[in-house]
C-alpha atoms as a PDB file:
ATOM      1  CA  MET A   1     -24.413  17.401   9.932  1.00  0.00           C
ATOM      2  CA  THR A   2     -26.410  16.068   7.012  1.00  0.00           C
ATOM      3  CA  GLU A   3     -26.680  12.407   6.171  1.00  0.00           C
ATOM      4  CA  ASN A   4     -24.188  12.749   3.286  1.00  0.00           C
ATOM      5  CA  GLU A   5     -21.631  14.561   5.472  1.00  0.00           C
ATOM      6  CA  SER A   6     -21.641  11.810   8.091  1.00  0.00           C
ATOM      7  CA  LYS A   7     -20.709   9.090   5.616  1.00  0.00           C
ATOM      8  CA  SER A   8     -17.061   8.374   4.938  1.00  0.00           C
ATOM      9  CA  PRO A   9     -15.936   8.182   1.305  1.00  0.00           C
ATOM     10  CA  PRO A  10     -16.614   4.872  -0.409  1.00  0.00           C
ATOM     11  CA  GLN A  11     -13.892   2.281  -0.012  1.00  0.00           C
ATOM     12  CA  ASN A  12     -13.125  -0.238  -2.681  1.00  0.00           C
ATOM     13  CA  LEU A  13     -12.571  -3.797  -1.353  1.00  0.00           C
ATOM     14  CA  LYS A  14      -9.871  -5.652  -3.298  1.00  0.00           C
ATOM     15  CA  ILE A  15      -7.692  -8.727  -2.819  1.00  0.00           C
ATOM     16  CA  THR A  16      -3.927  -8.879  -3.196  1.00  0.00           C
ATOM     17  CA  THR A  17      -3.060 -11.038  -6.212  1.00  0.00           C
ATOM     18  CA  LYS A  18       0.532 -11.732  -5.211  1.00  0.00           C
ATOM     19  CA  ASP A  19       2.892 -11.301  -2.299  1.00  0.00           C
ATOM     20  CA  THR A  20       3.930  -7.671  -2.335  1.00  0.00           C
ATOM     21  CA  ILE A  21       5.692  -5.060  -0.241  1.00  0.00           C
ATOM     22  CA  ALA A  22       3.805  -2.182   1.372  1.00  0.00           C
ATOM     23  CA  ALA A  23       5.104   0.875   3.212  1.00  0.00           C
ATOM     24  CA  LEU A  24       4.010   3.283   5.924  1.00  0.00           C
ATOM     25  CA  SER A  25       4.238   6.426   3.756  1.00  0.00           C
ATOM     26  CA  PRO A  26       4.141   7.319   0.058  1.00  0.00           C
ATOM     27  CA  GLU A  27       7.783   8.382   0.328  1.00  0.00           C
ATOM     28  CA  ASP A  28       8.783   4.958   1.693  1.00  0.00           C
ATOM     29  CA  MET A  29       6.722   3.271  -1.035  1.00  0.00           C
ATOM     30  CA  GLN A  30       8.662   5.295  -3.611  1.00  0.00           C
ATOM     31  CA  ARG A  31      11.879   4.058  -1.952  1.00  0.00           C
ATOM     32  CA  VAL A  32      10.601   0.475  -2.342  1.00  0.00           C
ATOM     33  CA  PHE A  33      10.014   1.077  -6.074  1.00  0.00           C
ATOM     34  CA  ASP A  34      13.435   2.741  -6.441  1.00  0.00           C
ATOM     35  CA  TYR A  35      15.321  -0.031  -4.600  1.00  0.00           C
ATOM     36  CA  ILE A  36      13.608  -2.778  -6.603  1.00  0.00           C
ATOM     37  CA  SER A  37      14.241  -0.911  -9.865  1.00  0.00           C
ATOM     38  CA  ALA A  38      17.944  -0.572  -8.962  1.00  0.00           C
ATOM     39  CA  ASP A  39      18.153  -4.236  -7.830  1.00  0.00           C
ATOM     40  CA  ASP A  40      19.329  -2.898  -4.447  1.00  0.00           C
ATOM     41  CA  TYR A  41      17.856  -5.606  -2.253  1.00  0.00           C
ATOM     42  CA  VAL A  42      20.231  -4.815   0.616  1.00  0.00           C
ATOM     43  CA  ALA A  43      18.660  -1.338   0.915  1.00  0.00           C
ATOM     44  CA  LEU A  44      15.179  -2.872   0.575  1.00  0.00           C
ATOM     45  CA  GLU A  45      15.959  -5.348   3.350  1.00  0.00           C
ATOM     46  CA  LYS A  46      17.104  -2.477   5.602  1.00  0.00           C
ATOM     47  CA  LEU A  47      13.843  -0.629   4.922  1.00  0.00           C
ATOM     48  CA  ILE A  48      11.896  -3.755   5.892  1.00  0.00           C
ATOM     49  CA  ILE A  49      14.011  -4.352   9.016  1.00  0.00           C
ATOM     50  CA  SER A  50      13.365  -0.737  10.063  1.00  0.00           C
ATOM     51  CA  GLY A  51       9.616  -1.478  10.010  1.00  0.00           C
ATOM     52  CA  ARG A  52       8.900   1.194   7.407  1.00  0.00           C
ATOM     53  CA  ALA A  53       8.085  -1.474   4.796  1.00  0.00           C
ATOM     54  CA  PHE A  54       6.584  -4.955   5.173  1.00  0.00           C
ATOM     55  CA  LEU A  55       5.105  -7.900   3.289  1.00  0.00           C
ATOM     56  CA  LEU A  56       1.448  -8.084   2.289  1.00  0.00           C
ATOM     57  CA  PRO A  57       0.636 -11.708   1.420  1.00  0.00           C
ATOM     58  CA  LYS A  58      -1.341 -12.888  -1.594  1.00  0.00           C
ATOM     59  CA  GLY A  59      -5.077 -13.240  -0.922  1.00  0.00           C
ATOM     60  CA  LEU A  60      -5.290 -10.473   1.694  1.00  0.00           C
ATOM     61  CA  GLU A  61      -8.473  -8.365   1.667  1.00  0.00           C
ATOM     62  CA  ILE A  62      -7.679  -4.664   1.465  1.00  0.00           C
ATOM     63  CA  TYR A  63      -9.585  -1.443   0.920  1.00  0.00           C
ATOM     64  CA  VAL A  64      -8.168   0.910  -1.714  1.00  0.00           C
ATOM     65  CA  LEU A  65      -8.472   4.430  -0.320  1.00  0.00           C
ATOM     66  CA  ALA A  66      -6.653   6.629  -2.856  1.00  0.00           C
ATOM     67  CA  ASP A  67      -4.166   6.709  -5.717  1.00  0.00           C
ATOM     68  CA  GLU A  68      -0.998   8.598  -4.822  1.00  0.00           C
ATOM     69  CA  SER A  69       0.432   8.928  -8.288  1.00  0.00           C
ATOM     70  CA  LYS A  70      -0.224   7.488 -11.699  1.00  0.00           C
ATOM     71  CA  THR A  71       3.507   7.591 -12.425  1.00  0.00           C
ATOM     72  CA  ASN A  72       4.680   5.367  -9.595  1.00  0.00           C
ATOM     73  CA  SER A  73       1.498   3.271  -9.214  1.00  0.00           C
ATOM     74  CA  ALA A  74       1.317   3.679  -5.426  1.00  0.00           C
ATOM     75  CA  ILE A  75      -2.067   3.327  -3.770  1.00  0.00           C
ATOM     76  CA  LYS A  76      -3.214   4.153  -0.263  1.00  0.00           C
ATOM     77  CA  LEU A  77      -4.853   1.158   1.339  1.00  0.00           C
ATOM     78  CA  ARG A  78      -6.171  -0.298   4.556  1.00  0.00           C
ATOM     79  CA  ILE A  79      -6.090  -3.984   5.427  1.00  0.00           C
ATOM     80  CA  LYS A  80      -9.580  -5.260   6.219  1.00  0.00           C
ATOM     81  CA  GLY A  81     -10.036  -5.248  10.001  1.00  0.00           C
ATOM     82  CA  SER A  82      -7.190  -2.784  10.575  1.00  0.00           C
ATOM     83  CA  THR A  83      -7.328   0.941  11.278  1.00  0.00           C
ATOM     84  CA  ALA A  84      -3.840   1.636   9.878  1.00  0.00           C
ATOM     85  CA  GLU A  85      -3.545   3.169   6.424  1.00  0.00           C
ATOM     86  CA  VAL A  86      -0.486   2.149   4.386  1.00  0.00           C
ATOM     87  CA  TRP A  87       0.797   2.336   0.812  1.00  0.00           C
ATOM     88  CA  GLY A  88       1.167  -0.462  -1.719  1.00  0.00           C
ATOM     89  CA  SER A  89       1.539  -1.176  -5.420  1.00  0.00           C
ATOM     90  CA  VAL A  90      -1.494  -0.961  -7.672  1.00  0.00           C
ATOM     91  CA  THR A  91      -0.178  -3.993  -9.609  1.00  0.00           C
ATOM     92  CA  ALA A  92      -0.658  -6.279  -6.595  1.00  0.00           C
ATOM     93  CA  VAL A  93      -4.438  -5.921  -6.211  1.00  0.00           C
ATOM     94  CA  THR A  94      -7.516  -6.948  -8.212  1.00  0.00           C
END
């Protein structure tokens, strides 16, 4: 393995600019967008209660790993200090 192969891809450290909802998969993040767009907060609450979506507070340090889609503005991220990768909204980070 060469030196370049042993390095992981660069990760972009950002900070959440507002309280926002994140999800465990890009499909669940799309559901979050859909439920908010439809003003269906009962469905959104059920997704949160199920554990498939959760709150990311303002001021949280996160690493942006990848953009899922330019159309729905979902980004793959990892909370600093965590090994779990989740999905959030590009509009909630700086």
